[in-house]
PDB file of all heavy atoms in Angstrom:
ATOM      1  N   ARG A   1     105.997  90.544 111.449  1.00  0.00           N
ATOM      2  CA  ARG A   1     107.345  90.512 110.820  1.00  0.00           C
ATOM      3  C   ARG A   1     108.007  89.174 111.108  1.00  0.00           C
ATOM      4  O   ARG A   1     108.770  88.633 110.282  1.00  0.00           O
ATOM      5  CB  ARG A   1     108.196  91.638 111.253  1.00  0.00           C
ATOM      6  CG  ARG A   1     107.936  92.911 110.412  1.00  0.00           C
ATOM      7  CD  ARG A   1     106.540  93.419 110.555  1.00  0.00           C
ATOM      8  NE  ARG A   1     106.216  94.529 109.646  1.00  0.00           N
ATOM      9  CZ  ARG A   1     105.033  95.086 109.574  1.00  0.00           C
ATOM     10  NH1 ARG A   1     103.985  94.581 110.331  1.00  0.00           N
ATOM     11  NH2 ARG A   1     104.780  96.129 108.789  1.00  0.00           N
ATOM     12  N   LYS A   2     107.833  88.584 112.271  1.00  0.00           N
ATOM     13  CA  LYS A   2     108.402  87.288 112.664  1.00  0.00           C
ATOM     14  C   LYS A   2     107.723  86.273 111.756  1.00  0.00           C
ATOM     15  O   LYS A   2     108.402  85.345 111.266  1.00  0.00           O
ATOM     16  CB  LYS A   2     108.161  87.011 114.059  1.00  0.00           C
ATOM     17  CG  LYS A   2     109.028  87.809 114.995  1.00  0.00           C
ATOM     18  CD  LYS A   2     108.761  87.412 116.446  1.00  0.00           C
ATOM     19  CE  LYS A   2     109.619  88.243 117.454  1.00  0.00           C
ATOM     20  NZ  LYS A   2     109.370  87.973 118.809  1.00  0.00           N
ATOM     21  N   ALA A   3     106.446  86.303 111.472  1.00  0.00           N
ATOM     22  CA  ALA A   3     105.753  85.346 110.603  1.00  0.00           C
ATOM     23  C   ALA A   3     106.296  85.470 109.180  1.00  0.00           C
ATOM     24  O   ALA A   3     106.270  84.501 108.443  1.00  0.00           O
ATOM     25  CB  ALA A   3     104.278  85.623 110.617  1.00  0.00           C
ATOM     26  N   LEU A   4     106.806  86.620 108.787  1.00  0.00           N
ATOM     27  CA  LEU A   4     107.329  86.791 107.461  1.00  0.00           C
ATOM     28  C   LEU A   4     108.811  86.427 107.342  1.00  0.00           C
ATOM     29  O   LEU A   4     109.345  86.424 106.307  1.00  0.00           O
ATOM     30  CB  LEU A   4     107.237  88.317 107.091  1.00  0.00           C
ATOM     31  CG  LEU A   4     105.868  88.903 106.954  1.00  0.00           C
ATOM     32  CD1 LEU A   4     105.973  90.456 106.782  1.00  0.00           C
ATOM     33  CD2 LEU A   4     105.068  88.321 105.820  1.00  0.00           C
ATOM     34  N   GLY A   5     109.370  86.032 108.488  1.00  0.00           N
ATOM     35  CA  GLY A   5     110.709  85.535 108.534  1.00  0.00           C
ATOM     36  C   GLY A   5     111.777  86.708 108.483  1.00  0.00           C
ATOM     37  O   GLY A   5     112.884  86.533 108.181  1.00  0.00           O
ATOM     38  N   LEU A   6     111.335  87.869 108.895  1.00  0.00           N
ATOM     39  CA  LEU A   6     112.254  89.066 108.863  1.00  0.00           C
ATOM     40  C   LEU A   6     112.715  89.349 110.219  1.00  0.00           C
ATOM     41  O   LEU A   6     113.688  90.157 110.394  1.00  0.00           O
ATOM     42  CB  LEU A   6     111.464  90.264 108.377  1.00  0.00           C
ATOM     43  CG  LEU A   6     111.149  90.285 106.884  1.00  0.00           C
ATOM     44  CD1 LEU A   6     110.173  91.406 106.550  1.00  0.00           C
ATOM     45  CD2 LEU A   6     112.389  90.339 106.046  1.00  0.00           C
ATOM     46  N   ALA A   7     112.165  88.754 111.311  1.00  0.00           N
ATOM     47  CA  ALA A   7     112.596  89.117 112.662  1.00  0.00           C
ATOM     48  C   ALA A   7     112.518  87.858 113.459  1.00  0.00           C
ATOM     49  O   ALA A   7     111.872  86.817 113.114  1.00  0.00           O
ATOM     50  CB  ALA A   7     111.651  90.166 113.266  1.00  0.00           C
ATOM     51  N   GLY A   8     113.216  87.876 114.610  1.00  0.00           N
ATOM     52  CA  GLY A   8     113.116  86.741 115.605  1.00  0.00           C
ATOM     53  C   GLY A   8     114.395  86.016 115.675  1.00  0.00           C
ATOM     54  O   GLY A   8     115.080  85.749 114.635  1.00  0.00           O
ATOM     55  N   GLU A   9     114.683  85.605 116.898  1.00  0.00           N
ATOM     56  CA  GLU A   9     115.988  84.778 117.086  1.00  0.00           C
ATOM     57  C   GLU A   9     115.818  83.369 116.276  1.00  0.00           C
ATOM     58  O   GLU A   9     114.737  82.781 116.380  1.00  0.00           O
ATOM     59  CB  GLU A   9     116.168  84.497 118.544  1.00  0.00           C
ATOM     60  CG  GLU A   9     116.477  85.818 119.326  1.00  0.00           C
ATOM     61  CD  GLU A   9     116.766  85.559 120.775  1.00  0.00           C
ATOM     62  OE1 GLU A   9     116.891  84.310 121.160  1.00  0.00           O
ATOM     63  OE2 GLU A   9     116.882  86.486 121.561  1.00  0.00           O
ATOM     64  N   GLY A  10     116.910  82.984 115.762  1.00  0.00           N
ATOM     65  CA  GLY A  10     116.947  81.686 115.015  1.00  0.00           C
ATOM     66  C   GLY A  10     116.257  81.806 113.575  1.00  0.00           C
ATOM     67  O   GLY A  10     116.237  80.758 112.938  1.00  0.00           O
ATOM     68  N   CYS A  11     115.835  82.974 113.207  1.00  0.00           N
ATOM     69  CA  CYS A  11     115.212  83.122 111.858  1.00  0.00           C
ATOM     70  C   CYS A  11     116.341  83.185 110.885  1.00  0.00           C
ATOM     71  O   CYS A  11     117.268  83.968 110.895  1.00  0.00           O
ATOM     72  CB  CYS A  11     114.375  84.451 111.812  1.00  0.00           C
ATOM     73  SG  CYS A  11     113.785  84.854 110.224  1.00  0.00           S
ATOM     74  N   LEU A  12     116.311  82.211 109.860  1.00  0.00           N
ATOM     75  CA  LEU A  12     117.381  82.088 108.860  1.00  0.00           C
ATOM     76  C   LEU A  12     117.478  83.396 107.984  1.00  0.00           C
ATOM     77  O   LEU A  12     118.611  83.844 107.867  1.00  0.00           O
ATOM     78  CB  LEU A  12     117.091  80.925 107.985  1.00  0.00           C
ATOM     79  CG  LEU A  12     118.116  80.700 106.832  1.00  0.00           C
ATOM     80  CD1 LEU A  12     119.445  80.385 107.446  1.00  0.00           C
ATOM     81  CD2 LEU A  12     117.665  79.485 105.962  1.00  0.00           C
ATOM     82  N   SER A  13     116.381  83.928 107.610  1.00  0.00           N
ATOM     83  CA  SER A  13     116.453  85.136 106.698  1.00  0.00           C
ATOM     84  C   SER A  13     117.011  86.312 107.466  1.00  0.00           C
ATOM     85  O   SER A  13     117.534  87.227 106.885  1.00  0.00           O
ATOM     86  CB  SER A  13     115.102  85.415 106.032  1.00  0.00           C
ATOM     87  OG  SER A  13     114.140  85.702 107.098  1.00  0.00           O
ATOM     88  N   ALA A  14     116.794  86.393 108.863  1.00  0.00           N
ATOM     89  CA  ALA A  14     117.247  87.469 109.665  1.00  0.00           C
ATOM     90  C   ALA A  14     118.759  87.562 109.625  1.00  0.00           C
ATOM     91  O   ALA A  14     119.315  88.649 109.965  1.00  0.00           O
ATOM     92  CB  ALA A  14     116.685  87.392 111.058  1.00  0.00           C
ATOM     93  N   THR A  15     119.467  86.451 109.356  1.00  0.00           N
ATOM     94  CA  THR A  15     120.901  86.485 109.255  1.00  0.00           C
ATOM     95  C   THR A  15     121.363  87.154 107.941  1.00  0.00           C
ATOM     96  O   THR A  15     122.543  87.559 107.848  1.00  0.00           O
ATOM     97  CB  THR A  15     121.505  85.063 109.326  1.00  0.00           C
ATOM     98  OG1 THR A  15     121.099  84.286 108.207  1.00  0.00           O
ATOM     99  CG2 THR A  15     121.069  84.394 110.592  1.00  0.00           C
ATOM    100  N   LEU A  16     120.489  87.256 107.004  1.00  0.00           N
ATOM    101  CA  LEU A  16     120.829  87.922 105.689  1.00  0.00           C
ATOM    102  C   LEU A  16     120.236  89.300 105.644  1.00  0.00           C
ATOM    103  O   LEU A  16     120.600  90.173 104.883  1.00  0.00           O
ATOM    104  CB  LEU A  16     120.271  87.092 104.619  1.00  0.00           C
ATOM    105  CG  LEU A  16     120.904  85.642 104.440  1.00  0.00           C
ATOM    106  CD1 LEU A  16     120.244  84.922 103.292  1.00  0.00           C
ATOM    107  CD2 LEU A  16     122.387  85.738 104.191  1.00  0.00           C
ATOM    108  N   THR A  17     119.075  89.583 106.376  1.00  0.00           N
ATOM    109  CA  THR A  17     118.367  90.832 106.305  1.00  0.00           C
ATOM    110  C   THR A  17     118.113  91.262 107.723  1.00  0.00           C
ATOM    111  O   THR A  17     117.287  90.643 108.440  1.00  0.00           O
ATOM    112  CB  THR A  17     117.035  90.754 105.535  1.00  0.00           C
ATOM    113  OG1 THR A  17     117.325  90.322 104.178  1.00  0.00           O
ATOM    114  CG2 THR A  17     116.331  92.106 105.498  1.00  0.00           C
ATOM    115  N   ASN A  18     118.674  92.342 108.149  1.00  0.00           N
ATOM    116  CA  ASN A  18     118.387  92.872 109.503  1.00  0.00           C
ATOM    117  C   ASN A  18     117.863  94.257 109.546  1.00  0.00           C
ATOM    118  O   ASN A  18     117.986  95.046 110.426  1.00  0.00           O
ATOM    119  CB  ASN A  18     119.659  92.852 110.368  1.00  0.00           C
ATOM    120  CG  ASN A  18     120.840  93.621 109.831  1.00  0.00           C
ATOM    121  OD1 ASN A  18     120.682  94.484 108.942  1.00  0.00           O
ATOM    122  ND2 ASN A  18     122.089  93.310 110.290  1.00  0.00           N
ATOM    123  N   CYS A  19     117.177  94.609 108.462  1.00  0.00           N
ATOM    124  CA  CYS A  19     116.401  95.837 108.328  1.00  0.00           C
ATOM    125  C   CYS A  19     115.020  95.571 107.735  1.00  0.00           C
ATOM    126  O   CYS A  19     114.938  94.812 106.750  1.00  0.00           O
ATOM    127  CB  CYS A  19     117.181  96.958 107.581  1.00  0.00           C
ATOM    128  SG  CYS A  19     117.732  96.388 105.961  1.00  0.00           S
ATOM    129  N   TYR A  20     114.019  96.242 108.230  1.00  0.00           N
ATOM    130  CA  TYR A  20     112.659  96.017 107.736  1.00  0.00           C
ATOM    131  C   TYR A  20     111.750  97.142 108.230  1.00  0.00           C
ATOM    132  O   TYR A  20     112.058  97.825 109.175  1.00  0.00           O
ATOM    133  CB  TYR A  20     112.142  94.631 108.089  1.00  0.00           C
ATOM    134  CG  TYR A  20     112.145  94.364 109.597  1.00  0.00           C
ATOM    135  CD1 TYR A  20     111.078  94.748 110.436  1.00  0.00           C
ATOM    136  CD2 TYR A  20     113.157  93.630 110.243  1.00  0.00           C
ATOM    137  CE1 TYR A  20     111.107  94.460 111.836  1.00  0.00           C
ATOM    138  CE2 TYR A  20     113.203  93.345 111.529  1.00  0.00           C
ATOM    139  CZ  TYR A  20     112.216  93.795 112.382  1.00  0.00           C
ATOM    140  OH  TYR A  20     112.253  93.595 113.748  1.00  0.00           O
ATOM    141  N   ARG A  21     110.537  97.108 107.661  1.00  0.00           N
ATOM    142  CA  ARG A  21     109.559  98.100 108.211  1.00  0.00           C
ATOM    143  C   ARG A  21     108.656  97.394 109.272  1.00  0.00           C
ATOM    144  O   ARG A  21     108.084  96.373 108.954  1.00  0.00           O
ATOM    145  CB  ARG A  21     108.613  98.594 107.074  1.00  0.00           C
ATOM    146  CG  ARG A  21     107.460  99.493 107.595  1.00  0.00           C
ATOM    147  CD  ARG A  21     107.074 100.535 106.596  1.00  0.00           C
ATOM    148  NE  ARG A  21     108.161 101.463 106.344  1.00  0.00           N
ATOM    149  CZ  ARG A  21     108.073 102.541 105.566  1.00  0.00           C
ATOM    150  NH1 ARG A  21     106.883 102.769 104.891  1.00  0.00           N
ATOM    151  NH2 ARG A  21     109.074 103.383 105.391  1.00  0.00           N
ATOM    152  N   LEU A  22     108.740  98.005 110.452  1.00  0.00           N
ATOM    153  CA  LEU A  22     107.971  97.415 111.518  1.00  0.00           C
ATOM    154  C   LEU A  22     106.493  97.906 111.552  1.00  0.00           C
ATOM    155  O   LEU A  22     105.546  97.157 111.739  1.00  0.00           O
ATOM    156  CB  LEU A  22     108.571  97.798 112.918  1.00  0.00           C
ATOM    157  CG  LEU A  22     107.689  97.442 114.146  1.00  0.00           C
ATOM    158  CD1 LEU A  22     107.648  95.900 114.302  1.00  0.00           C
ATOM    159  CD2 LEU A  22     108.286  98.004 115.379  1.00  0.00           C
ATOM    160  N   VAL A  23     106.257  99.197 111.231  1.00  0.00           N
ATOM    161  CA  VAL A  23     104.960  99.767 111.245  1.00  0.00           C
ATOM    162  C   VAL A  23     104.755 100.501 109.959  1.00  0.00           C
ATOM    163  O   VAL A  23     105.491 101.389 109.586  1.00  0.00           O
ATOM    164  CB  VAL A  23     104.759 100.791 112.385  1.00  0.00           C
ATOM    165  CG1 VAL A  23     103.373 101.424 112.315  1.00  0.00           C
ATOM    166  CG2 VAL A  23     104.832 100.049 113.784  1.00  0.00           C
ATOM    167  N   HIS A  24     103.706 100.100 109.238  1.00  0.00           N
ATOM    168  CA  HIS A  24     103.324 100.763 107.927  1.00  0.00           C
ATOM    169  C   HIS A  24     101.946 101.398 108.026  1.00  0.00           C
ATOM    170  O   HIS A  24     101.008 100.964 107.424  1.00  0.00           O
ATOM    171  CB  HIS A  24     103.388  99.718 106.814  1.00  0.00           C
ATOM    172  CG  HIS A  24     103.157 100.381 105.470  1.00  0.00           C
ATOM    173  ND1 HIS A  24     104.008 101.321 104.946  1.00  0.00           N
ATOM    174  CD2 HIS A  24     102.222 100.136 104.519  1.00  0.00           C
ATOM    175  CE1 HIS A  24     103.631 101.679 103.816  1.00  0.00           C
ATOM    176  NE2 HIS A  24     102.552 101.048 103.456  1.00  0.00           N
ATOM    177  N   GLY A  25     101.825 102.461 108.945  1.00  0.00           N
ATOM    178  CA  GLY A  25     100.630 103.172 109.022  1.00  0.00           C
ATOM    179  C   GLY A  25      99.362 102.343 109.100  1.00  0.00           C
ATOM    180  O   GLY A  25      99.252 101.462 110.015  1.00  0.00           O
ATOM    181  N   GLU A  26      98.455 102.631 108.312  1.00  0.00           N
ATOM    182  CA  GLU A  26      97.105 102.021 108.326  1.00  0.00           C
ATOM    183  C   GLU A  26      97.201 100.474 108.129  1.00  0.00           C
ATOM    184  O   GLU A  26      96.337  99.695 108.672  1.00  0.00           O
ATOM    185  CB  GLU A  26      96.169 102.575 107.226  1.00  0.00           C
ATOM    186  CG  GLU A  26      95.724 103.986 107.485  1.00  0.00           C
ATOM    187  CD  GLU A  26      96.675 105.093 107.105  1.00  0.00           C
ATOM    188  OE1 GLU A  26      97.810 104.700 106.708  1.00  0.00           O
ATOM    189  OE2 GLU A  26      96.383 106.224 107.188  1.00  0.00           O
ATOM    190  N   GLY A  27      98.246  99.985 107.430  1.00  0.00           N
ATOM    191  CA  GLY A  27      98.472  98.589 107.214  1.00  0.00           C
ATOM    192  C   GLY A  27      98.673  97.783 108.484  1.00  0.00           C
ATOM    193  O   GLY A  27      98.476  96.587 108.591  1.00  0.00           O
ATOM    194  N   ASP A  28      99.145  98.522 109.594  1.00  0.00           N
ATOM    195  CA  ASP A  28      99.425  97.892 110.823  1.00  0.00           C
ATOM    196  C   ASP A  28      98.538  98.540 111.900  1.00  0.00           C
ATOM    197  O   ASP A  28      98.784  98.362 113.103  1.00  0.00           O
ATOM    198  CB  ASP A  28     100.883  98.092 111.217  1.00  0.00           C
ATOM    199  CG  ASP A  28     101.740  97.151 110.464  1.00  0.00           C
ATOM    200  OD1 ASP A  28     101.650  95.926 110.612  1.00  0.00           O
ATOM    201  OD2 ASP A  28     102.564  97.586 109.644  1.00  0.00           O
ATOM    202  N   GLY A  29      97.387  99.140 111.520  1.00  0.00           N
ATOM    203  CA  GLY A  29      96.462  99.692 112.504  1.00  0.00           C
ATOM    204  C   GLY A  29      96.964 100.874 113.177  1.00  0.00           C
ATOM    205  O   GLY A  29      96.374 101.147 114.311  1.00  0.00           O
ATOM    206  N   LEU A  30      97.930 101.600 112.684  1.00  0.00           N
ATOM    207  CA  LEU A  30      98.481 102.804 113.363  1.00  0.00           C
ATOM    208  C   LEU A  30      98.580 103.929 112.307  1.00  0.00           C
ATOM    209  O   LEU A  30      99.695 104.291 111.972  1.00  0.00           O
ATOM    210  CB  LEU A  30      99.827 102.436 113.967  1.00  0.00           C
ATOM    211  CG  LEU A  30      99.774 101.558 115.121  1.00  0.00           C
ATOM    212  CD1 LEU A  30     101.199 100.962 115.522  1.00  0.00           C
ATOM    213  CD2 LEU A  30      99.174 102.250 116.399  1.00  0.00           C
ATOM    214  N   PRO A  31      97.484 104.450 111.853  1.00  0.00           N
ATOM    215  CA  PRO A  31      97.515 105.470 110.804  1.00  0.00           C
ATOM    216  C   PRO A  31      98.349 106.730 111.289  1.00  0.00           C
ATOM    217  O   PRO A  31      98.176 107.196 112.349  1.00  0.00           O
ATOM    218  CB  PRO A  31      96.055 105.801 110.606  1.00  0.00           C
ATOM    219  CG  PRO A  31      95.291 105.239 111.819  1.00  0.00           C
ATOM    220  CD  PRO A  31      96.127 104.095 112.278  1.00  0.00           C
ATOM    221  N   GLY A  32      99.205 107.116 110.274  1.00  0.00           N
ATOM    222  CA  GLY A  32     100.041 108.308 110.595  1.00  0.00           C
ATOM    223  C   GLY A  32     101.376 107.955 111.188  1.00  0.00           C
ATOM    224  O   GLY A  32     102.098 108.892 111.527  1.00  0.00           O
ATOM    225  N   LEU A  33     101.777 106.668 111.333  1.00  0.00           N
ATOM    226  CA  LEU A  33     103.022 106.281 111.935  1.00  0.00           C
ATOM    227  C   LEU A  33     103.775 105.336 111.019  1.00  0.00           C
ATOM    228  O   LEU A  33     103.201 104.367 110.494  1.00  0.00           O
ATOM    229  CB  LEU A  33     102.735 105.595 113.209  1.00  0.00           C
ATOM    230  CG  LEU A  33     104.013 105.101 114.036  1.00  0.00           C
ATOM    231  CD1 LEU A  33     104.834 106.320 114.400  1.00  0.00           C
ATOM    232  CD2 LEU A  33     103.671 104.341 115.261  1.00  0.00           C
ATOM    233  N   ILE A  34     105.067 105.651 110.860  1.00  0.00           N
ATOM    234  CA  ILE A  34     105.962 104.727 110.150  1.00  0.00           C
ATOM    235  C   ILE A  34     107.121 104.462 111.134  1.00  0.00           C
ATOM    236  O   ILE A  34     107.636 105.297 111.856  1.00  0.00           O
ATOM    237  CB  ILE A  34     106.640 105.475 108.924  1.00  0.00           C
ATOM    238  CG1 ILE A  34     105.462 105.728 107.837  1.00  0.00           C
ATOM    239  CG2 ILE A  34     107.692 104.625 108.319  1.00  0.00           C
ATOM    240  CD1 ILE A  34     104.819 104.504 107.310  1.00  0.00           C
ATOM    241  N   VAL A  35     107.482 103.219 111.293  1.00  0.00           N
ATOM    242  CA  VAL A  35     108.646 102.786 112.080  1.00  0.00           C
ATOM    243  C   VAL A  35     109.473 101.727 111.242  1.00  0.00           C
ATOM    244  O   VAL A  35     108.981 100.763 110.871  1.00  0.00           O
ATOM    245  CB  VAL A  35     108.269 102.106 113.401  1.00  0.00           C
ATOM    246  CG1 VAL A  35     109.529 101.792 114.219  1.00  0.00           C
ATOM    247  CG2 VAL A  35     107.395 103.116 114.223  1.00  0.00           C
ATOM    248  N   ASP A  36     110.752 102.117 111.009  1.00  0.00           N
ATOM    249  CA  ASP A  36     111.658 101.206 110.293  1.00  0.00           C
ATOM    250  C   ASP A  36     112.715 100.696 111.251  1.00  0.00           C
ATOM    251  O   ASP A  36     113.213 101.512 112.089  1.00  0.00           O
ATOM    252  CB  ASP A  36     112.316 101.900 109.115  1.00  0.00           C
ATOM    253  CG  ASP A  36     111.333 102.095 107.966  1.00  0.00           C
ATOM    254  OD1 ASP A  36     110.281 101.375 107.929  1.00  0.00           O
ATOM    255  OD2 ASP A  36     111.555 102.980 107.169  1.00  0.00           O
ATOM    256  N   TRP A  37     113.095  99.442 111.192  1.00  0.00           N
ATOM    257  CA  TRP A  37     114.101  98.811 112.033  1.00  0.00           C
ATOM    258  C   TRP A  37     115.404  98.630 111.290  1.00  0.00           C
ATOM    259  O   TRP A  37     115.467  98.007 110.196  1.00  0.00           O
ATOM    260  CB  TRP A  37     113.572  97.381 112.531  1.00  0.00           C
ATOM    261  CG  TRP A  37     114.536  96.538 113.104  1.00  0.00           C
ATOM    262  CD1 TRP A  37     115.312  95.610 112.559  1.00  0.00           C
ATOM    263  CD2 TRP A  37     114.782  96.410 114.542  1.00  0.00           C
ATOM    264  NE1 TRP A  37     116.048  94.951 113.430  1.00  0.00           N
ATOM    265  CE2 TRP A  37     115.786  95.439 114.793  1.00  0.00           C
ATOM    266  CE3 TRP A  37     114.232  97.035 115.706  1.00  0.00           C
ATOM    267  CZ2 TRP A  37     116.220  95.110 116.002  1.00  0.00           C
ATOM    268  CZ3 TRP A  37     114.730  96.759 116.936  1.00  0.00           C
ATOM    269  CH2 TRP A  37     115.742  95.770 117.104  1.00  0.00           C
ATOM    270  N   TYR A  38     116.469  99.185 111.822  1.00  0.00           N
ATOM    271  CA  TYR A  38     117.823  99.068 111.252  1.00  0.00           C
ATOM    272  C   TYR A  38     118.774  98.430 112.284  1.00  0.00           C
ATOM    273  O   TYR A  38     119.404  99.065 113.001  1.00  0.00           O
ATOM    274  CB  TYR A  38     118.349 100.415 110.795  1.00  0.00           C
ATOM    275  CG  TYR A  38     117.593 101.047 109.685  1.00  0.00           C
ATOM    276  CD1 TYR A  38     116.809 102.216 109.922  1.00  0.00           C
ATOM    277  CD2 TYR A  38     117.628 100.584 108.381  1.00  0.00           C
ATOM    278  CE1 TYR A  38     116.052 102.811 108.897  1.00  0.00           C
ATOM    279  CE2 TYR A  38     116.885 101.145 107.404  1.00  0.00           C
ATOM    280  CZ  TYR A  38     116.158 102.230 107.587  1.00  0.00           C
ATOM    281  OH  TYR A  38     115.452 102.878 106.610  1.00  0.00           O
ATOM    282  N   ASP A  39     118.776  97.087 112.279  1.00  0.00           N
ATOM    283  CA  ASP A  39     119.712  96.330 113.135  1.00  0.00           C
ATOM    284  C   ASP A  39     119.727  96.859 114.554  1.00  0.00           C
ATOM    285  O   ASP A  39     120.851  97.176 115.030  1.00  0.00           O
ATOM    286  CB  ASP A  39     121.050  96.308 112.477  1.00  0.00           C
ATOM    287  CG  ASP A  39     121.918  95.302 113.205  1.00  0.00           C
ATOM    288  OD1 ASP A  39     121.464  94.330 113.786  1.00  0.00           O
ATOM    289  OD2 ASP A  39     123.228  95.503 113.128  1.00  0.00           O
ATOM    290  N   GLY A  40     118.600  97.070 115.203  1.00  0.00           N
ATOM    291  CA  GLY A  40     118.566  97.430 116.561  1.00  0.00           C
ATOM    292  C   GLY A  40     118.149  98.926 116.776  1.00  0.00           C
ATOM    293  O   GLY A  40     117.918  99.303 117.892  1.00  0.00           O
ATOM    294  N   VAL A  41     118.118  99.714 115.712  1.00  0.00           N
ATOM    295  CA  VAL A  41     117.658 101.060 115.792  1.00  0.00           C
ATOM    296  C   VAL A  41     116.320 101.241 115.136  1.00  0.00           C
ATOM    297  O   VAL A  41     116.214 100.879 113.974  1.00  0.00           O
ATOM    298  CB  VAL A  41     118.678 101.973 115.142  1.00  0.00           C
ATOM    299  CG1 VAL A  41     118.165 103.471 115.155  1.00  0.00           C
ATOM    300  CG2 VAL A  41     120.027 101.889 115.866  1.00  0.00           C
ATOM    301  N   CYS A  42     115.302 101.781 115.815  1.00  0.00           N
ATOM    302  CA  CYS A  42     114.054 102.097 115.251  1.00  0.00           C
ATOM    303  C   CYS A  42     113.988 103.528 114.834  1.00  0.00           C
ATOM    304  O   CYS A  42     114.347 104.502 115.674  1.00  0.00           O
ATOM    305  CB  CYS A  42     112.915 101.838 116.297  1.00  0.00           C
ATOM    306  SG  CYS A  42     112.449 100.077 116.421  1.00  0.00           S
TER     307      CYS A  42
END
């Protein structure tokens, strides 16, 4: 997500978007799990 510009200190897009999907099941090697980030809350 940091590589996508969605997370990380000093990331320009993170000042405009502070919510994103951290874990998308099989797409992140964790089948059966979803984790969404909402400005500090997972």
